[in-house]
Amino acid sequence: MPKANKLVSIFGGRATHYLAKKIADSYGCELGKIEVFAFADGEFQPSFDENIRGHDVFIVQST
């Protein structure tokens, strides 16, 4: 159960959107909006489409 004074943001990667949505629903929050830019070497860079300052942030992403 979430603590009332904690701000939580949950985001899902490309292959894990469904799982991230289920986690967000069970936690009682909306799934956050994110863009993920992939580099040729396999690295990725998330770009959050909302303010996450002061939030506990969780990114659900498979390898």
N, C-alpha and C. Protein backbone atom coordinates (compact mmCIF):
# COMPACT_ATOMS: atom_id res chain seq x y z
N MET A 1 0.84 -1.18 0.00
CA MET A 1 0.00 0.00 0.00
C MET A 1 0.89 1.24 0.00
N PRO A 2 0.62 2.21 -0.87
CA PRO A 2 1.46 3.40 -0.93
C PRO A 2 1.32 4.27 0.31
N LYS A 3 2.40 4.91 0.69
CA LYS A 3 2.35 5.87 1.78
C LYS A 3 1.75 7.16 1.26
N ALA A 4 0.96 7.83 2.07
CA ALA A 4 0.24 9.03 1.64
C ALA A 4 1.19 10.18 1.29
N ASN A 5 2.36 10.24 1.91
CA ASN A 5 3.25 11.37 1.68
C ASN A 5 4.30 11.10 0.60
N LYS A 6 4.24 9.96 -0.09
CA LYS A 6 5.21 9.63 -1.12
C LYS A 6 4.61 9.87 -2.50
N LEU A 7 5.37 10.51 -3.37
CA LEU A 7 4.98 10.66 -4.77
C LEU A 7 5.67 9.55 -5.55
N VAL A 8 4.91 8.77 -6.27
CA VAL A 8 5.44 7.62 -6.99
C VAL A 8 5.08 7.75 -8.46
N SER A 9 6.06 7.48 -9.32
CA SER A 9 5.84 7.43 -10.76
C SER A 9 6.35 6.09 -11.27
N ILE A 10 5.52 5.41 -12.06
CA ILE A 10 5.89 4.12 -12.63
C ILE A 10 5.83 4.23 -14.14
N PHE A 11 6.90 3.78 -14.79
CA PHE A 11 7.02 3.86 -16.25
C PHE A 11 7.33 2.48 -16.80
N GLY A 12 6.89 2.22 -18.02
CA GLY A 12 7.17 0.94 -18.66
C GLY A 12 7.98 1.13 -19.92
N GLY A 13 8.88 0.19 -20.16
CA GLY A 13 9.66 0.19 -21.39
C GLY A 13 8.83 -0.34 -22.55
N ARG A 14 9.43 -0.43 -23.70
CA ARG A 14 8.71 -0.85 -24.90
C ARG A 14 8.13 -2.25 -24.78
N ALA A 15 8.90 -3.19 -24.26
CA ALA A 15 8.46 -4.58 -24.19
C ALA A 15 7.70 -4.91 -22.92
N THR A 16 7.59 -3.97 -21.99
CA THR A 16 7.00 -4.27 -20.69
C THR A 16 5.83 -3.36 -20.34
N HIS A 17 5.23 -2.75 -21.34
CA HIS A 17 4.13 -1.80 -21.08
C HIS A 17 2.99 -2.47 -20.31
N TYR A 18 2.59 -3.67 -20.73
CA TYR A 18 1.47 -4.36 -20.07
C TYR A 18 1.79 -4.65 -18.60
N LEU A 19 2.98 -5.17 -18.32
CA LEU A 19 3.37 -5.46 -16.94
C LEU A 19 3.43 -4.19 -16.10
N ALA A 20 4.01 -3.13 -16.65
CA ALA A 20 4.11 -1.86 -15.93
C ALA A 20 2.72 -1.31 -15.62
N LYS A 21 1.79 -1.45 -16.56
CA LYS A 21 0.41 -0.98 -16.36
C LYS A 21 -0.25 -1.76 -15.22
N LYS A 22 -0.04 -3.06 -15.17
CA LYS A 22 -0.61 -3.88 -14.10
C LYS A 22 -0.02 -3.48 -12.74
N ILE A 23 1.28 -3.20 -12.70
CA ILE A 23 1.92 -2.78 -11.45
C ILE A 23 1.36 -1.43 -11.01
N ALA A 24 1.26 -0.49 -11.93
CA ALA A 24 0.71 0.84 -11.60
C ALA A 24 -0.72 0.72 -11.10
N ASP A 25 -1.53 -0.10 -11.77
CA ASP A 25 -2.92 -0.29 -11.34
C ASP A 25 -2.99 -0.87 -9.93
N SER A 26 -2.14 -1.85 -9.64
CA SER A 26 -2.16 -2.47 -8.31
C SER A 26 -1.65 -1.51 -7.24
N TYR A 27 -0.80 -0.58 -7.63
CA TYR A 27 -0.28 0.42 -6.70
C TYR A 27 -1.25 1.59 -6.53
N GLY A 28 -2.19 1.72 -7.46
CA GLY A 28 -3.19 2.78 -7.38
C GLY A 28 -2.75 4.08 -8.01
N CYS A 29 -1.88 4.01 -9.01
CA CYS A 29 -1.44 5.23 -9.69
C CYS A 29 -1.49 5.03 -11.20
N GLU A 30 -1.40 6.12 -11.93
CA GLU A 30 -1.41 6.08 -13.39
C GLU A 30 -0.02 5.69 -13.89
N LEU A 31 0.02 5.01 -15.02
CA LEU A 31 1.29 4.70 -15.67
C LEU A 31 1.82 5.98 -16.30
N GLY A 32 3.07 6.31 -16.03
CA GLY A 32 3.67 7.53 -16.54
C GLY A 32 3.96 7.48 -18.03
N LYS A 33 4.06 8.65 -18.64
CA LYS A 33 4.38 8.75 -20.07
C LYS A 33 5.89 8.90 -20.23
N ILE A 34 6.46 8.10 -21.12
CA ILE A 34 7.91 8.06 -21.30
C ILE A 34 8.22 7.79 -22.77
N GLU A 35 9.31 8.37 -23.24
CA GLU A 35 9.88 8.02 -24.54
C GLU A 35 11.24 7.41 -24.27
N VAL A 36 11.55 6.34 -24.97
CA VAL A 36 12.83 5.67 -24.78
C VAL A 36 13.61 5.73 -26.08
N PHE A 37 14.77 6.36 -26.03
CA PHE A 37 15.64 6.46 -27.19
C PHE A 37 16.72 5.39 -27.09
N ALA A 38 16.84 4.57 -28.13
CA ALA A 38 17.83 3.49 -28.14
C ALA A 38 19.04 3.90 -28.96
N PHE A 39 20.21 3.54 -28.47
CA PHE A 39 21.46 3.80 -29.16
C PHE A 39 21.95 2.53 -29.84
N ALA A 40 22.82 2.66 -30.81
CA ALA A 40 23.32 1.52 -31.59
C ALA A 40 24.07 0.51 -30.72
N ASP A 41 24.65 0.96 -29.62
CA ASP A 41 25.41 0.05 -28.75
C ASP A 41 24.54 -0.69 -27.74
N GLY A 42 23.22 -0.52 -27.83
CA GLY A 42 22.30 -1.22 -26.94
C GLY A 42 21.88 -0.42 -25.72
N GLU A 43 22.53 0.69 -25.47
CA GLU A 43 22.14 1.55 -24.36
C GLU A 43 20.83 2.25 -24.71
N PHE A 44 20.14 2.73 -23.68
CA PHE A 44 18.92 3.49 -23.91
C PHE A 44 18.87 4.69 -22.98
N GLN A 45 18.10 5.68 -23.39
CA GLN A 45 17.94 6.89 -22.59
C GLN A 45 16.45 7.19 -22.47
N PRO A 46 15.91 7.13 -21.25
CA PRO A 46 14.50 7.48 -21.08
C PRO A 46 14.32 8.99 -21.05
N SER A 47 13.22 9.45 -21.61
CA SER A 47 12.85 10.86 -21.55
C SER A 47 11.43 10.92 -20.99
N PHE A 48 11.30 11.50 -19.82
CA PHE A 48 10.01 11.52 -19.13
C PHE A 48 9.17 12.69 -19.62
N ASP A 49 7.91 12.41 -19.94
CA ASP A 49 7.00 13.43 -20.46
C ASP A 49 6.19 14.10 -19.36
N GLU A 50 6.69 14.04 -18.14
CA GLU A 50 6.03 14.67 -17.01
C GLU A 50 7.07 14.97 -15.94
N ASN A 51 6.70 15.80 -14.99
CA ASN A 51 7.61 16.18 -13.92
C ASN A 51 7.75 15.03 -12.93
N ILE A 52 8.98 14.60 -12.66
CA ILE A 52 9.23 13.52 -11.71
C ILE A 52 10.08 14.00 -10.53
N ARG A 53 10.32 15.27 -10.45
CA ARG A 53 11.13 15.81 -9.35
C ARG A 53 10.48 15.49 -8.00
N GLY A 54 11.25 14.89 -7.11
CA GLY A 54 10.76 14.55 -5.79
C GLY A 54 9.98 13.24 -5.72
N HIS A 55 9.81 12.56 -6.85
CA HIS A 55 9.07 11.30 -6.88
C HIS A 55 10.01 10.12 -6.68
N ASP A 56 9.47 9.03 -6.17
CA ASP A 56 10.14 7.74 -6.25
C ASP A 56 9.78 7.20 -7.63
N VAL A 57 10.78 6.94 -8.47
CA VAL A 57 10.55 6.55 -9.87
C VAL A 57 10.95 5.09 -10.08
N PHE A 58 10.06 4.35 -10.74
CA PHE A 58 10.31 2.96 -11.08
C PHE A 58 10.14 2.79 -12.58
N ILE A 59 11.15 2.22 -13.23
CA ILE A 59 11.07 1.91 -14.66
C ILE A 59 11.06 0.39 -14.78
N VAL A 60 9.99 -0.14 -15.37
CA VAL A 60 9.87 -1.58 -15.58
C VAL A 60 10.38 -1.86 -16.99
N GLN A 61 11.51 -2.56 -17.09
CA GLN A 61 12.15 -2.79 -18.39
C GLN A 61 12.85 -4.14 -18.37
N SER A 62 12.60 -4.94 -19.38
CA SER A 62 13.30 -6.22 -19.48
C SER A 62 14.64 -6.03 -20.18
N THR A 63 15.51 -7.02 -20.05
CA THR A 63 16.82 -6.94 -20.69
C THR A 63 16.86 -7.76 -21.95
